[in-house]
N, C-alpha and C. Protein backbone atom coordinates (compact mmCIF):
# COMPACT_ATOMS: atom_id res chain seq x y z
N UNK A 1 4.84 -8.16 11.08
CA UNK A 1 4.68 -7.07 10.13
C UNK A 1 6.01 -6.80 9.43
N UNK A 2 6.01 -6.77 8.13
CA UNK A 2 7.25 -6.57 7.38
C UNK A 2 7.63 -5.10 7.37
N UNK A 3 8.89 -4.83 7.72
CA UNK A 3 9.37 -3.45 7.71
C UNK A 3 10.00 -3.15 6.37
N UNK A 4 9.87 -1.93 5.94
CA UNK A 4 10.53 -1.53 4.71
C UNK A 4 11.66 -0.58 5.04
N UNK A 5 12.59 -0.52 4.16
CA UNK A 5 13.77 0.31 4.38
C UNK A 5 13.41 1.77 4.21
N UNK A 6 13.64 2.55 5.25
CA UNK A 6 13.49 3.99 5.17
C UNK A 6 14.89 4.57 5.10
N UNK A 7 15.26 5.03 3.96
CA UNK A 7 16.63 5.47 3.76
C UNK A 7 16.88 6.82 4.41
N UNK A 8 18.05 6.97 5.06
CA UNK A 8 18.42 8.27 5.60
C UNK A 8 19.02 9.14 4.52
N UNK A 9 18.84 8.74 3.27
CA UNK A 9 19.52 9.38 2.15
C UNK A 9 18.49 9.82 1.14
N UNK A 10 18.44 11.07 0.85
CA UNK A 10 17.51 11.57 -0.15
C UNK A 10 18.27 12.54 -1.05
N UNK A 11 18.72 12.04 -2.17
CA UNK A 11 19.47 12.89 -3.10
C UNK A 11 18.69 12.97 -4.41
N UNK A 12 18.78 14.11 -5.04
CA UNK A 12 18.16 14.25 -6.36
C UNK A 12 18.93 13.40 -7.34
N UNK A 13 18.20 12.70 -8.19
CA UNK A 13 18.87 11.87 -9.17
C UNK A 13 19.48 12.75 -10.26
N UNK A 14 20.73 12.43 -10.58
CA UNK A 14 21.40 13.17 -11.65
C UNK A 14 20.88 12.68 -12.99
N UNK A 15 20.66 13.59 -13.91
CA UNK A 15 20.21 13.20 -15.24
C UNK A 15 21.24 13.65 -16.25
N UNK A 16 21.78 12.70 -16.98
CA UNK A 16 22.79 13.00 -17.99
C UNK A 16 22.19 12.97 -19.39
N UNK A 17 20.90 12.93 -19.48
CA UNK A 17 20.26 12.86 -20.78
C UNK A 17 19.32 11.68 -20.82
N UNK A 18 18.26 11.80 -21.57
CA UNK A 18 17.24 10.77 -21.60
C UNK A 18 17.74 9.47 -22.20
N UNK A 19 18.67 9.55 -23.15
CA UNK A 19 19.13 8.35 -23.83
C UNK A 19 20.30 7.67 -23.13
N UNK A 20 20.82 8.27 -22.08
CA UNK A 20 21.98 7.68 -21.40
C UNK A 20 21.58 6.38 -20.71
N UNK A 21 22.44 5.36 -20.84
CA UNK A 21 22.19 4.08 -20.17
C UNK A 21 22.42 4.23 -18.68
N UNK A 22 21.53 3.67 -17.85
CA UNK A 22 21.73 3.80 -16.41
C UNK A 22 22.95 2.98 -15.97
N UNK A 23 23.67 3.53 -15.00
CA UNK A 23 24.83 2.81 -14.45
C UNK A 23 24.33 1.63 -13.65
N UNK A 24 25.18 0.60 -13.45
CA UNK A 24 24.76 -0.51 -12.60
C UNK A 24 24.32 0.02 -11.24
N UNK A 25 23.38 -0.67 -10.64
CA UNK A 25 22.82 -0.21 -9.37
C UNK A 25 23.87 0.07 -8.32
N UNK A 26 24.87 -0.83 -8.21
CA UNK A 26 25.89 -0.65 -7.19
C UNK A 26 26.65 0.66 -7.38
N UNK A 27 26.98 0.98 -8.64
CA UNK A 27 27.70 2.23 -8.91
C UNK A 27 26.83 3.43 -8.57
N UNK A 28 25.55 3.35 -8.93
CA UNK A 28 24.64 4.46 -8.63
C UNK A 28 24.47 4.63 -7.12
N UNK A 29 24.40 3.50 -6.40
CA UNK A 29 24.27 3.58 -4.94
C UNK A 29 25.51 4.21 -4.32
N UNK A 30 26.68 3.83 -4.82
CA UNK A 30 27.93 4.42 -4.31
C UNK A 30 27.99 5.91 -4.58
N UNK A 31 27.29 6.36 -5.61
CA UNK A 31 27.26 7.78 -5.94
C UNK A 31 26.20 8.52 -5.11
N UNK A 32 25.44 7.78 -4.29
CA UNK A 32 24.46 8.41 -3.42
C UNK A 32 23.04 8.41 -3.95
N UNK A 33 22.74 7.58 -4.94
CA UNK A 33 21.41 7.53 -5.53
C UNK A 33 20.48 6.72 -4.62
N UNK A 34 19.51 7.40 -4.00
CA UNK A 34 18.58 6.76 -3.07
C UNK A 34 17.73 5.69 -3.76
N UNK A 35 17.32 5.93 -4.99
CA UNK A 35 16.50 4.95 -5.72
C UNK A 35 17.29 3.66 -5.96
N UNK A 36 18.59 3.80 -6.21
CA UNK A 36 19.43 2.61 -6.41
C UNK A 36 19.54 1.81 -5.11
N UNK A 37 19.69 2.50 -3.98
CA UNK A 37 19.73 1.80 -2.69
C UNK A 37 18.42 1.06 -2.45
N UNK A 38 17.30 1.69 -2.75
CA UNK A 38 15.99 1.04 -2.58
C UNK A 38 15.91 -0.22 -3.43
N UNK A 39 16.37 -0.11 -4.69
CA UNK A 39 16.32 -1.26 -5.59
C UNK A 39 17.22 -2.39 -5.10
N UNK A 40 18.41 -2.05 -4.61
CA UNK A 40 19.32 -3.07 -4.08
C UNK A 40 18.72 -3.73 -2.85
N UNK A 41 18.08 -2.94 -1.99
CA UNK A 41 17.42 -3.48 -0.81
C UNK A 41 16.35 -4.50 -1.22
N UNK A 42 15.51 -4.11 -2.17
CA UNK A 42 14.45 -5.02 -2.62
C UNK A 42 15.03 -6.29 -3.25
N UNK A 43 16.13 -6.14 -3.97
CA UNK A 43 16.73 -7.29 -4.66
C UNK A 43 17.40 -8.27 -3.70
N UNK A 44 18.10 -7.75 -2.67
CA UNK A 44 18.96 -8.61 -1.85
C UNK A 44 18.54 -8.80 -0.40
N UNK A 45 17.60 -8.01 0.10
CA UNK A 45 17.31 -8.09 1.53
C UNK A 45 16.81 -9.46 1.96
N UNK A 46 16.01 -10.10 1.12
CA UNK A 46 15.48 -11.42 1.47
C UNK A 46 16.62 -12.41 1.71
N UNK A 47 17.67 -12.33 0.90
CA UNK A 47 18.81 -13.24 1.08
C UNK A 47 19.53 -12.97 2.38
N UNK A 48 19.64 -11.69 2.76
CA UNK A 48 20.28 -11.33 4.03
C UNK A 48 19.48 -11.94 5.18
N UNK A 49 18.16 -11.77 5.13
CA UNK A 49 17.30 -12.31 6.19
C UNK A 49 17.39 -13.83 6.23
N UNK A 50 17.40 -14.49 5.08
CA UNK A 50 17.47 -15.95 5.05
C UNK A 50 18.76 -16.48 5.67
N UNK A 51 19.88 -15.79 5.43
CA UNK A 51 21.14 -16.21 6.05
C UNK A 51 21.04 -16.12 7.56
N UNK A 52 20.44 -15.04 8.05
CA UNK A 52 20.27 -14.88 9.50
C UNK A 52 19.35 -15.96 10.07
N UNK A 53 18.26 -16.26 9.36
CA UNK A 53 17.35 -17.31 9.81
C UNK A 53 18.07 -18.65 9.88
N UNK A 54 18.92 -18.91 8.88
CA UNK A 54 19.69 -20.15 8.87
C UNK A 54 20.65 -20.24 10.05
N UNK A 55 21.03 -19.10 10.60
CA UNK A 55 21.92 -19.07 11.76
C UNK A 55 21.16 -19.16 13.07
N UNK A 56 19.83 -19.32 13.00
CA UNK A 56 19.04 -19.49 14.20
C UNK A 56 18.47 -18.21 14.78
N UNK A 57 18.52 -17.13 14.02
CA UNK A 57 17.98 -15.86 14.49
C UNK A 57 16.47 -15.86 14.25
N UNK A 58 15.70 -15.38 15.26
CA UNK A 58 14.25 -15.29 15.10
C UNK A 58 13.91 -14.39 13.93
N UNK A 59 12.76 -14.63 13.30
CA UNK A 59 12.38 -13.90 12.09
C UNK A 59 12.31 -12.39 12.31
N UNK A 60 11.67 -11.96 13.43
CA UNK A 60 11.55 -10.52 13.65
C UNK A 60 12.92 -9.88 13.89
N UNK A 61 13.78 -10.60 14.59
CA UNK A 61 15.12 -10.08 14.87
C UNK A 61 15.95 -10.07 13.58
N UNK A 62 15.79 -11.10 12.75
CA UNK A 62 16.53 -11.16 11.48
C UNK A 62 16.18 -9.97 10.60
N UNK A 63 14.88 -9.61 10.57
CA UNK A 63 14.47 -8.46 9.76
C UNK A 63 15.08 -7.17 10.31
N UNK A 64 15.08 -7.04 11.65
CA UNK A 64 15.68 -5.84 12.27
C UNK A 64 17.18 -5.75 11.96
N UNK A 65 17.87 -6.88 12.06
CA UNK A 65 19.32 -6.89 11.79
C UNK A 65 19.61 -6.55 10.34
N UNK A 66 18.81 -7.11 9.44
CA UNK A 66 19.00 -6.81 8.02
C UNK A 66 18.79 -5.33 7.76
N UNK A 67 17.74 -4.78 8.35
CA UNK A 67 17.45 -3.34 8.21
C UNK A 67 18.65 -2.52 8.71
N UNK A 68 19.16 -2.88 9.88
CA UNK A 68 20.28 -2.13 10.44
C UNK A 68 21.53 -2.26 9.58
N UNK A 69 21.75 -3.47 9.02
CA UNK A 69 22.92 -3.68 8.16
C UNK A 69 22.87 -2.75 6.95
N UNK A 70 21.70 -2.65 6.30
CA UNK A 70 21.56 -1.76 5.15
C UNK A 70 21.76 -0.31 5.55
N UNK A 71 21.20 0.07 6.70
CA UNK A 71 21.34 1.44 7.17
C UNK A 71 22.80 1.78 7.41
N UNK A 72 23.54 0.83 8.00
CA UNK A 72 24.97 1.06 8.24
C UNK A 72 25.72 1.26 6.93
N UNK A 73 25.40 0.45 5.93
CA UNK A 73 26.08 0.59 4.63
C UNK A 73 25.79 1.96 4.02
N UNK A 74 24.54 2.39 4.10
CA UNK A 74 24.17 3.70 3.54
C UNK A 74 24.89 4.82 4.29
N UNK A 75 24.97 4.69 5.61
CA UNK A 75 25.67 5.71 6.40
C UNK A 75 27.14 5.77 6.02
N UNK A 76 27.74 4.60 5.81
CA UNK A 76 29.15 4.57 5.40
C UNK A 76 29.32 5.25 4.04
N UNK A 77 28.38 5.02 3.12
CA UNK A 77 28.45 5.66 1.81
C UNK A 77 28.35 7.17 1.96
N UNK A 78 27.47 7.63 2.83
CA UNK A 78 27.30 9.07 3.03
C UNK A 78 28.55 9.72 3.60
N UNK A 79 29.30 8.95 4.43
CA UNK A 79 30.54 9.47 5.01
C UNK A 79 31.73 9.22 4.10
N UNK A 80 31.48 8.72 2.89
CA UNK A 80 32.53 8.43 1.91
C UNK A 80 33.50 7.37 2.43
N UNK A 81 32.98 6.39 3.16
CA UNK A 81 33.80 5.29 3.69
C UNK A 81 33.53 4.00 2.94
N UNK A 82 32.72 4.04 1.92
CA UNK A 82 32.36 2.85 1.17
C UNK A 82 32.81 3.04 -0.26
N UNK A 83 33.86 2.32 -0.65
CA UNK A 83 34.42 2.51 -1.99
C UNK A 83 34.09 1.35 -2.92
N UNK A 84 33.62 0.25 -2.36
CA UNK A 84 33.33 -0.94 -3.14
C UNK A 84 32.06 -1.56 -2.58
N UNK A 85 31.15 -1.97 -3.44
CA UNK A 85 29.87 -2.49 -2.99
C UNK A 85 29.63 -3.84 -3.65
N UNK A 86 29.99 -4.90 -2.94
CA UNK A 86 29.75 -6.26 -3.44
C UNK A 86 28.55 -6.82 -2.70
N UNK A 87 27.45 -6.97 -3.42
CA UNK A 87 26.22 -7.44 -2.80
C UNK A 87 25.78 -8.76 -3.40
N UNK A 88 25.14 -9.60 -2.57
CA UNK A 88 24.68 -9.33 -1.21
C UNK A 88 25.73 -9.63 -0.13
N UNK A 89 26.94 -10.04 -0.53
CA UNK A 89 27.94 -10.48 0.45
C UNK A 89 28.22 -9.43 1.52
N UNK A 90 28.33 -8.17 1.12
CA UNK A 90 28.66 -7.13 2.09
C UNK A 90 27.54 -6.93 3.10
N UNK A 91 26.29 -6.92 2.63
CA UNK A 91 25.15 -6.76 3.54
C UNK A 91 25.03 -7.97 4.47
N UNK A 92 25.27 -9.17 3.95
CA UNK A 92 25.22 -10.38 4.77
C UNK A 92 26.30 -10.33 5.85
N UNK A 93 27.50 -9.97 5.45
CA UNK A 93 28.60 -9.91 6.42
C UNK A 93 28.31 -8.89 7.51
N UNK A 94 27.78 -7.72 7.11
CA UNK A 94 27.44 -6.69 8.09
C UNK A 94 26.39 -7.20 9.05
N UNK A 95 25.36 -7.87 8.55
CA UNK A 95 24.29 -8.39 9.41
C UNK A 95 24.81 -9.47 10.35
N UNK A 96 25.67 -10.35 9.85
CA UNK A 96 26.24 -11.41 10.71
C UNK A 96 27.10 -10.81 11.82
N UNK A 97 27.87 -9.80 11.49
CA UNK A 97 28.70 -9.16 12.51
C UNK A 97 27.83 -8.45 13.55
N UNK A 98 26.77 -7.80 13.11
CA UNK A 98 25.86 -7.15 14.06
C UNK A 98 25.23 -8.19 14.99
N UNK A 99 24.81 -9.31 14.42
CA UNK A 99 24.20 -10.36 15.24
C UNK A 99 25.20 -10.95 16.23
N UNK A 100 26.41 -11.23 15.75
CA UNK A 100 27.44 -11.80 16.64
C UNK A 100 27.80 -10.82 17.74
N UNK A 101 27.84 -9.54 17.42
CA UNK A 101 28.16 -8.52 18.42
C UNK A 101 27.10 -8.48 19.51
N UNK A 102 25.83 -8.55 19.12
CA UNK A 102 24.75 -8.54 20.11
C UNK A 102 24.77 -9.81 20.96
N UNK A 103 25.12 -10.93 20.32
CA UNK A 103 25.21 -12.19 21.08
C UNK A 103 26.32 -12.09 22.12
N UNK A 104 27.44 -11.51 21.74
CA UNK A 104 28.56 -11.36 22.69
C UNK A 104 28.18 -10.46 23.85
N UNK A 105 27.30 -9.48 23.58
CA UNK A 105 26.90 -8.55 24.64
C UNK A 105 25.80 -9.13 25.53
N UNK A 106 25.35 -10.35 25.22
CA UNK A 106 24.41 -11.02 26.11
C UNK A 106 22.95 -10.74 25.84
N UNK A 107 22.60 -10.19 24.70
CA UNK A 107 21.19 -9.97 24.38
C UNK A 107 20.55 -11.33 24.11
N UNK A 108 19.52 -11.69 24.87
CA UNK A 108 18.92 -13.03 24.78
C UNK A 108 18.31 -13.29 23.41
N UNK A 109 17.91 -12.25 22.70
CA UNK A 109 17.33 -12.47 21.37
C UNK A 109 18.36 -13.04 20.39
N UNK A 110 19.63 -12.93 20.74
CA UNK A 110 20.71 -13.36 19.85
C UNK A 110 21.52 -14.50 20.46
N UNK A 111 20.94 -15.18 21.46
CA UNK A 111 21.74 -16.16 22.21
C UNK A 111 22.23 -17.33 21.36
N UNK A 112 21.53 -17.61 20.27
CA UNK A 112 21.94 -18.73 19.41
C UNK A 112 22.85 -18.28 18.27
N UNK A 113 23.14 -17.00 18.22
CA UNK A 113 23.92 -16.48 17.10
C UNK A 113 25.40 -16.59 17.39
N UNK A 114 26.09 -17.24 16.51
CA UNK A 114 27.55 -17.30 16.54
C UNK A 114 27.98 -17.69 15.15
N UNK A 115 29.16 -17.30 14.76
CA UNK A 115 29.63 -17.68 13.44
C UNK A 115 30.04 -19.15 13.48
N UNK A 116 29.33 -19.98 12.75
CA UNK A 116 29.71 -21.39 12.68
C UNK A 116 31.02 -21.51 11.90
N UNK A 117 31.60 -22.71 11.92
CA UNK A 117 32.82 -22.93 11.15
C UNK A 117 32.57 -22.67 9.67
N UNK A 118 31.37 -23.08 9.19
CA UNK A 118 31.05 -22.87 7.78
C UNK A 118 30.95 -21.38 7.46
N UNK A 119 30.25 -20.63 8.32
CA UNK A 119 30.10 -19.20 8.08
C UNK A 119 31.44 -18.50 8.16
N UNK A 120 32.25 -18.89 9.15
CA UNK A 120 33.58 -18.28 9.28
C UNK A 120 34.43 -18.60 8.05
N UNK A 121 34.31 -19.83 7.55
CA UNK A 121 35.07 -20.22 6.36
C UNK A 121 34.62 -19.40 5.15
N UNK A 122 33.30 -19.16 5.03
CA UNK A 122 32.80 -18.36 3.92
C UNK A 122 33.32 -16.93 4.00
N UNK A 123 33.31 -16.37 5.22
CA UNK A 123 33.83 -15.01 5.38
C UNK A 123 35.32 -14.96 5.08
N UNK A 124 36.05 -16.02 5.48
CA UNK A 124 37.48 -16.07 5.20
C UNK A 124 37.71 -16.17 3.69
N UNK A 125 36.90 -16.98 3.03
CA UNK A 125 37.02 -17.12 1.58
C UNK A 125 36.75 -15.79 0.89
N UNK A 126 35.71 -15.07 1.37
CA UNK A 126 35.41 -13.76 0.80
C UNK A 126 36.58 -12.81 0.97
N UNK A 127 37.22 -12.86 2.15
CA UNK A 127 38.38 -12.00 2.40
C UNK A 127 39.53 -12.36 1.45
N UNK A 128 39.75 -13.68 1.26
CA UNK A 128 40.82 -14.11 0.35
C UNK A 128 40.55 -13.63 -1.07
N UNK A 129 39.29 -13.73 -1.50
CA UNK A 129 38.95 -13.28 -2.85
C UNK A 129 39.14 -11.77 -2.98
N UNK A 130 38.76 -11.04 -1.93
CA UNK A 130 38.96 -9.58 -1.95
C UNK A 130 40.45 -9.26 -2.00
N UNK A 131 41.25 -10.02 -1.23
CA UNK A 131 42.70 -9.81 -1.25
C UNK A 131 43.27 -10.06 -2.64
N UNK A 132 42.81 -11.13 -3.29
CA UNK A 132 43.28 -11.43 -4.65
C UNK A 132 42.89 -10.31 -5.62
N UNK A 133 41.67 -9.81 -5.43
CA UNK A 133 41.22 -8.72 -6.29
C UNK A 133 42.08 -7.47 -6.10
N UNK A 134 42.40 -7.16 -4.83
CA UNK A 134 43.27 -6.01 -4.56
C UNK A 134 44.65 -6.22 -5.16
N UNK A 135 45.16 -7.45 -5.06
CA UNK A 135 46.47 -7.75 -5.62
C UNK A 135 46.48 -7.57 -7.14
N UNK A 136 45.41 -8.04 -7.78
CA UNK A 136 45.31 -7.89 -9.24
C UNK A 136 45.27 -6.41 -9.63
N UNK A 137 44.52 -5.60 -8.85
CA UNK A 137 44.46 -4.17 -9.14
C UNK A 137 45.82 -3.51 -8.93
N UNK A 138 46.54 -3.95 -7.87
CA UNK A 138 47.86 -3.39 -7.59
C UNK A 138 48.83 -3.72 -8.73
N UNK A 139 48.77 -4.95 -9.23
CA UNK A 139 49.64 -5.35 -10.35
C UNK A 139 49.34 -4.51 -11.59
N UNK A 140 48.04 -4.27 -11.82
CA UNK A 140 47.66 -3.47 -12.99
C UNK A 140 48.20 -2.04 -12.86
N UNK A 141 48.16 -1.49 -11.66
CA UNK A 141 48.68 -0.13 -11.44
C UNK A 141 50.19 -0.12 -11.64
N UNK A 142 50.88 -1.10 -11.08
CA UNK A 142 52.34 -1.17 -11.23
C UNK A 142 52.74 -1.29 -12.70
N UNK A 143 51.92 -1.98 -13.48
CA UNK A 143 52.22 -2.14 -14.90
C UNK A 143 52.17 -0.80 -15.64
N UNK A 144 51.42 0.16 -15.10
CA UNK A 144 51.33 1.48 -15.74
C UNK A 144 52.46 2.41 -15.31
N UNK A 145 53.24 2.00 -14.32
CA UNK A 145 54.34 2.84 -13.83
C UNK A 145 55.50 2.83 -14.81
N UNK A 146 56.31 3.87 -14.75
CA UNK A 146 57.49 3.96 -15.62
C UNK A 146 58.51 2.90 -15.20
N UNK A 147 59.50 2.67 -16.06
CA UNK A 147 60.54 1.68 -15.75
C UNK A 147 61.28 2.05 -14.46
N UNK A 148 61.60 3.33 -14.29
CA UNK A 148 62.33 3.73 -13.08
C UNK A 148 61.47 3.54 -11.83
N UNK A 149 60.18 3.81 -11.93
CA UNK A 149 59.29 3.59 -10.79
C UNK A 149 59.23 2.11 -10.44
N UNK A 150 59.14 1.25 -11.46
CA UNK A 150 59.08 -0.19 -11.22
C UNK A 150 60.39 -0.69 -10.61
N UNK A 151 61.53 -0.17 -11.09
CA UNK A 151 62.82 -0.59 -10.54
C UNK A 151 62.93 -0.21 -9.06
N UNK A 152 62.54 1.01 -8.73
CA UNK A 152 62.60 1.47 -7.34
C UNK A 152 61.66 0.64 -6.47
N UNK A 153 60.45 0.41 -6.95
CA UNK A 153 59.48 -0.38 -6.18
C UNK A 153 60.02 -1.78 -5.89
N UNK A 154 60.55 -2.44 -6.94
CA UNK A 154 61.09 -3.79 -6.75
C UNK A 154 62.27 -3.79 -5.79
N UNK A 155 63.14 -2.81 -5.91
CA UNK A 155 64.33 -2.74 -5.06
C UNK A 155 63.94 -2.57 -3.59
N UNK A 156 62.96 -1.70 -3.32
CA UNK A 156 62.57 -1.45 -1.93
C UNK A 156 61.82 -2.63 -1.34
N UNK A 157 60.91 -3.21 -2.11
CA UNK A 157 60.10 -4.30 -1.56
C UNK A 157 60.80 -5.65 -1.61
N UNK A 158 61.88 -5.75 -2.38
CA UNK A 158 62.67 -6.98 -2.34
C UNK A 158 63.50 -7.02 -1.06
N UNK A 159 63.89 -5.84 -0.56
CA UNK A 159 64.66 -5.75 0.70
C UNK A 159 63.98 -4.71 1.58
N UNK A 160 62.98 -5.11 2.37
CA UNK A 160 62.20 -4.15 3.15
C UNK A 160 63.04 -3.28 4.09
N UNK A 161 64.18 -3.76 4.52
CA UNK A 161 65.01 -2.98 5.44
C UNK A 161 65.94 -2.00 4.76
N UNK A 162 65.95 -2.01 3.43
CA UNK A 162 66.87 -1.14 2.69
C UNK A 162 66.50 0.32 2.85
N UNK A 163 67.52 1.15 2.93
CA UNK A 163 67.29 2.60 3.05
C UNK A 163 67.14 3.20 1.66
N UNK A 164 66.61 4.42 1.61
CA UNK A 164 66.47 5.12 0.33
C UNK A 164 67.84 5.34 -0.30
N UNK A 165 68.85 5.58 0.53
CA UNK A 165 70.21 5.79 0.00
C UNK A 165 70.74 4.53 -0.67
N UNK A 166 70.51 3.37 -0.05
CA UNK A 166 70.97 2.10 -0.63
C UNK A 166 70.26 1.82 -1.95
N UNK A 167 68.96 2.07 -1.97
CA UNK A 167 68.19 1.84 -3.20
C UNK A 167 68.64 2.81 -4.29
N UNK A 168 68.94 4.05 -3.92
CA UNK A 168 69.39 5.05 -4.89
C UNK A 168 70.67 4.60 -5.59
N UNK A 169 71.60 4.04 -4.81
CA UNK A 169 72.85 3.53 -5.40
C UNK A 169 72.55 2.36 -6.33
N UNK A 170 71.67 1.47 -5.89
CA UNK A 170 71.35 0.27 -6.67
C UNK A 170 70.71 0.60 -8.02
N UNK A 171 69.79 1.58 -8.02
CA UNK A 171 69.07 1.89 -9.26
C UNK A 171 69.66 3.07 -10.03
N UNK A 172 70.67 3.72 -9.46
CA UNK A 172 71.34 4.82 -10.15
C UNK A 172 70.55 6.12 -10.17
N UNK A 173 69.82 6.41 -9.11
CA UNK A 173 69.07 7.66 -9.00
C UNK A 173 69.47 8.38 -7.73
N UNK A 174 69.05 9.64 -7.61
CA UNK A 174 69.34 10.38 -6.37
C UNK A 174 68.41 9.89 -5.26
N UNK A 175 68.82 10.11 -4.02
CA UNK A 175 68.00 9.71 -2.87
C UNK A 175 66.66 10.44 -2.92
N UNK A 176 66.73 11.74 -3.26
CA UNK A 176 65.50 12.52 -3.33
C UNK A 176 64.53 11.96 -4.37
N UNK A 177 65.09 11.55 -5.53
CA UNK A 177 64.23 10.99 -6.59
C UNK A 177 63.63 9.65 -6.17
N UNK A 178 64.40 8.83 -5.45
CA UNK A 178 63.88 7.55 -4.95
C UNK A 178 62.70 7.80 -4.02
N UNK A 179 62.88 8.75 -3.10
CA UNK A 179 61.79 9.07 -2.16
C UNK A 179 60.56 9.60 -2.89
N UNK A 180 60.79 10.43 -3.89
CA UNK A 180 59.68 10.99 -4.66
C UNK A 180 58.93 9.88 -5.40
N UNK A 181 59.69 8.98 -6.00
CA UNK A 181 59.07 7.87 -6.73
C UNK A 181 58.22 7.02 -5.79
N UNK A 182 58.74 6.71 -4.60
CA UNK A 182 57.99 5.89 -3.66
C UNK A 182 56.69 6.57 -3.23
N UNK A 183 56.74 7.87 -3.05
CA UNK A 183 55.51 8.61 -2.71
C UNK A 183 54.50 8.50 -3.85
N UNK A 184 54.98 8.65 -5.09
CA UNK A 184 54.10 8.57 -6.25
C UNK A 184 53.47 7.18 -6.38
N UNK A 185 54.30 6.15 -6.23
CA UNK A 185 53.81 4.78 -6.38
C UNK A 185 52.83 4.43 -5.26
N UNK A 186 53.17 4.81 -4.03
CA UNK A 186 52.26 4.53 -2.91
C UNK A 186 50.91 5.21 -3.11
N UNK A 187 50.94 6.44 -3.62
CA UNK A 187 49.69 7.17 -3.86
C UNK A 187 48.84 6.45 -4.89
N UNK A 188 49.47 5.98 -5.97
CA UNK A 188 48.74 5.24 -7.00
C UNK A 188 48.14 3.95 -6.43
N UNK A 189 48.95 3.23 -5.66
CA UNK A 189 48.48 1.96 -5.09
C UNK A 189 47.35 2.19 -4.09
N UNK A 190 47.52 3.21 -3.25
CA UNK A 190 46.50 3.48 -2.24
C UNK A 190 45.15 3.78 -2.87
N UNK A 191 45.17 4.47 -4.01
CA UNK A 191 43.93 4.86 -4.67
C UNK A 191 43.10 3.66 -5.13
N UNK A 192 43.77 2.55 -5.49
CA UNK A 192 43.02 1.40 -6.00
C UNK A 192 42.96 0.22 -5.04
N UNK A 193 43.86 0.16 -4.07
CA UNK A 193 43.93 -1.01 -3.21
C UNK A 193 43.20 -0.79 -1.88
N UNK A 194 42.98 0.47 -1.50
CA UNK A 194 42.33 0.76 -0.23
C UNK A 194 41.03 0.00 -0.13
N UNK A 195 40.84 -0.70 0.99
CA UNK A 195 39.65 -1.53 1.15
C UNK A 195 38.58 -0.79 1.91
N UNK A 196 37.24 -1.54 1.92
CA UNK A 196 36.12 -0.99 2.64
C UNK A 196 36.17 -1.41 4.04
N UNK A 197 36.08 -0.33 4.90
CA UNK A 197 36.05 -0.68 6.32
C UNK A 197 34.61 -0.90 6.71
N UNK A 198 34.23 -2.21 7.03
CA UNK A 198 32.84 -2.54 7.35
C UNK A 198 32.64 -2.64 8.82
């Protein structure tokens, strides 16, 4: 029997006007739109289940794992722990980790589940791509910083052991201003580089 996703999320849809173009589903889901989550589930759940089946998971267990993976993602969104939604990769990764965790705990329904070299390589590739994306966003943020902010950033990260006093002498600013600049730059970087904890 096929299970359908019962979302723990029921929010009224925001209406910005009848003529407004709908946001991409992922953006709407991140904003808490239950209908968007339902649509994403319908669009991608089959692929999540197929990946699990390819890993040797029984069909009924694969459906349960996929359901749990989606529920976990929705719960993370509700707790404001989900800042980026790349699908179906994120749902697949969540389901694979759930399956591997149950296999490690000795549940016989998951005895054949383990990350193969290919699956591990795909997950590693996804991580590398995410890292590159974060790096590109960080570079874009740094490009918007003032010249003095960029000079301080380069001076500190070129010599990680350098003190604020040493950097202040090098860039010709006060120690207090160097510290202030680093706080400002870190705050900007954190806002765009912070990753999703899955």
